[in-house]
Structure formats: structure tokens, C-alpha cells
Amino acid sequence: MEDNRDFHFSIVRHIGVLAEAGKGWKKEVNLVSWNDRPAKLDIREWDENHAKMTRGVTLNAEETSILRDLLADPDKLFPQH
């Protein structure tokens, strides 16, 4: 099995920062195009130069809409015990 790590990306739009870790790393929400494909919502940590990143989560438009609806219901997020 070949391990091809040759990829490129473009941050199309910076949406916001969720958290800041040490040494300049930030957990960000962005629209990112991977390998010239349509941009997807992307949540991951980036170094201060956006040259290095952690593993993250990417969501297409439909998945983003579903996530928005799930997060809009506070009882689903933090149910009363």
C-alpha cells in the first residue's frame, strides 16, 4: 500500500478561532479547499503560519447543515440529569 502524503490546500475563508493552545497553535474553523476540490468546513488546529496542522474534521455543506441543526438544540448538547 502506497502512502501518498502529497497534497495541497487553500484556506478559502477564515471563520473563527475556537481555542488557542501553547506555542501559537489555534483550533480554527475555516473553509478549506483540499487538492483543488470544492471548499469544505474544516475544524482543526493550525500552527501560527498555517504550514502545519493536526488531524481534523471536514464537513460538506449538507453535513454542516445537519451539525448546525443538532447544535441548535441545547437539550441534545447538555441534557438535564
C-alpha atoms as a PDB file:
ATOM      1  CA  MET A   1       0.000   0.000   0.000  1.00  0.00           C
ATOM      2  CA  GLU A   2       1.470   3.325  -1.070  1.00  0.00           C
ATOM      3  CA  ASP A   3       1.447   6.207   1.399  1.00  0.00           C
ATOM      4  CA  ASN A   4       0.931   9.341  -0.694  1.00  0.00           C
ATOM      5  CA  ARG A   5       1.089  12.413   1.513  1.00  0.00           C
ATOM      6  CA  ASP A   6       1.496  14.812  -1.401  1.00  0.00           C
ATOM      7  CA  PHE A   7      -1.464  17.156  -1.076  1.00  0.00           C
ATOM      8  CA  HIS A   8      -2.118  20.848  -1.077  1.00  0.00           C
ATOM      9  CA  PHE A   9      -4.711  23.077   0.474  1.00  0.00           C
ATOM     10  CA  SER A  10      -6.021  26.592   0.387  1.00  0.00           C
ATOM     11  CA  ILE A  11      -7.812  28.323   3.239  1.00  0.00           C
ATOM     12  CA  VAL A  12     -10.632  29.968   1.308  1.00  0.00           C
ATOM     13  CA  ARG A  13     -12.184  31.731   4.307  1.00  0.00           C
ATOM     14  CA  HIS A  14     -11.186  32.005   7.946  1.00  0.00           C
ATOM     15  CA  ILE A  15     -14.340  31.775  10.062  1.00  0.00           C
ATOM     16  CA  GLY A  16     -13.010  31.890  13.604  1.00  0.00           C
ATOM     17  CA  VAL A  17     -10.845  30.562  16.424  1.00  0.00           C
ATOM     18  CA  LEU A  18     -12.315  28.100  18.924  1.00  0.00           C
ATOM     19  CA  ALA A  19      -9.299  27.861  21.229  1.00  0.00           C
ATOM     20  CA  GLU A  20      -5.648  28.760  21.459  1.00  0.00           C
ATOM     21  CA  ALA A  21      -3.058  26.286  22.660  1.00  0.00           C
ATOM     22  CA  GLY A  22       0.573  26.821  23.517  1.00  0.00           C
ATOM     23  CA  LYS A  23       3.285  27.820  21.053  1.00  0.00           C
ATOM     24  CA  GLY A  24       0.909  29.646  18.709  1.00  0.00           C
ATOM     25  CA  TRP A  25      -1.306  26.707  17.742  1.00  0.00           C
ATOM     26  CA  LYS A  26      -5.012  27.546  17.345  1.00  0.00           C
ATOM     27  CA  LYS A  27      -8.114  25.399  16.885  1.00  0.00           C
ATOM     28  CA  GLU A  28      -9.822  27.089  13.951  1.00  0.00           C
ATOM     29  CA  VAL A  29     -12.945  26.869  11.863  1.00  0.00           C
ATOM     30  CA  ASN A  30     -12.207  27.571   8.199  1.00  0.00           C
ATOM     31  CA  LEU A  31     -13.437  26.840   4.710  1.00  0.00           C
ATOM     32  CA  VAL A  32     -10.606  24.832   3.150  1.00  0.00           C
ATOM     33  CA  SER A  33     -10.121  23.524  -0.372  1.00  0.00           C
ATOM     34  CA  TRP A  34      -8.092  20.302  -0.395  1.00  0.00           C
ATOM     35  CA  ASN A  35      -6.347  19.354  -3.662  1.00  0.00           C
ATOM     36  CA  ASP A  36      -8.330  21.928  -5.668  1.00  0.00           C
ATOM     37  CA  ARG A  37     -11.665  20.388  -4.665  1.00  0.00           C
ATOM     38  CA  PRO A  38     -14.669  22.448  -3.509  1.00  0.00           C
ATOM     39  CA  ALA A  39     -14.103  24.026  -0.097  1.00  0.00           C
ATOM     40  CA  LYS A  40     -15.455  22.264   2.979  1.00  0.00           C
ATOM     41  CA  LEU A  41     -15.982  23.392   6.537  1.00  0.00           C
ATOM     42  CA  ASP A  42     -12.830  22.390   8.393  1.00  0.00           C
ATOM     43  CA  ILE A  43     -12.111  22.218  12.141  1.00  0.00           C
ATOM     44  CA  ARG A  44      -8.531  21.510  13.241  1.00  0.00           C
ATOM     45  CA  GLU A  45      -5.502  23.010  14.972  1.00  0.00           C
ATOM     46  CA  TRP A  46      -3.036  25.046  12.921  1.00  0.00           C
ATOM     47  CA  ASP A  47       0.372  26.453  13.706  1.00  0.00           C
ATOM     48  CA  GLU A  48       0.759  30.225  13.582  1.00  0.00           C
ATOM     49  CA  ASN A  49       1.881  30.177   9.922  1.00  0.00           C
ATOM     50  CA  HIS A  50      -0.774  27.722   8.710  1.00  0.00           C
ATOM     51  CA  ALA A  51       2.050  25.483   7.490  1.00  0.00           C
ATOM     52  CA  LYS A  52       1.453  22.604   9.925  1.00  0.00           C
ATOM     53  CA  MET A  53      -1.829  21.141  11.113  1.00  0.00           C
ATOM     54  CA  THR A  54      -3.287  18.389  13.244  1.00  0.00           C
ATOM     55  CA  ARG A  55      -5.860  15.883  12.107  1.00  0.00           C
ATOM     56  CA  GLY A  56      -9.261  17.453  11.912  1.00  0.00           C
ATOM     57  CA  VAL A  57     -12.820  17.160  10.733  1.00  0.00           C
ATOM     58  CA  THR A  58     -14.124  18.301   7.358  1.00  0.00           C
ATOM     59  CA  LEU A  59     -17.811  18.634   6.575  1.00  0.00           C
ATOM     60  CA  ASN A  60     -19.563  19.241   3.271  1.00  0.00           C
ATOM     61  CA  ALA A  61     -22.498  21.662   3.040  1.00  0.00           C
ATOM     62  CA  GLU A  62     -25.120  19.021   3.894  1.00  0.00           C
ATOM     63  CA  GLU A  63     -23.172  17.744   6.907  1.00  0.00           C
ATOM     64  CA  THR A  64     -22.617  21.324   8.087  1.00  0.00           C
ATOM     65  CA  SER A  65     -26.350  21.973   7.925  1.00  0.00           C
ATOM     66  CA  ILE A  66     -27.100  18.827   9.936  1.00  0.00           C
ATOM     67  CA  LEU A  67     -24.480  19.757  12.535  1.00  0.00           C
ATOM     68  CA  ARG A  68     -25.958  23.259  12.824  1.00  0.00           C
ATOM     69  CA  ASP A  69     -29.397  21.779  13.491  1.00  0.00           C
ATOM     70  CA  LEU A  70     -28.015  19.341  16.072  1.00  0.00           C
ATOM     71  CA  LEU A  71     -26.147  22.109  17.901  1.00  0.00           C
ATOM     72  CA  ALA A  72     -29.208  24.386  17.906  1.00  0.00           C
ATOM     73  CA  ASP A  73     -30.969  22.097  20.404  1.00  0.00           C
ATOM     74  CA  PRO A  74     -29.323  22.648  23.804  1.00  0.00           C
ATOM     75  CA  ASP A  75     -31.101  19.598  25.268  1.00  0.00           C
ATOM     76  CA  LYS A  76     -29.196  17.380  22.829  1.00  0.00           C
ATOM     77  CA  LEU A  77     -25.896  19.000  23.800  1.00  0.00           C
ATOM     78  CA  PHE A  78     -26.192  19.051  27.556  1.00  0.00           C
ATOM     79  CA  PRO A  79     -29.198  17.018  28.684  1.00  0.00           C
ATOM     80  CA  GLN A  80     -30.509  17.562  32.171  1.00  0.00           C
ATOM     81  CA  HIS A  81     -29.552  14.711  34.510  1.00  0.00           C
END
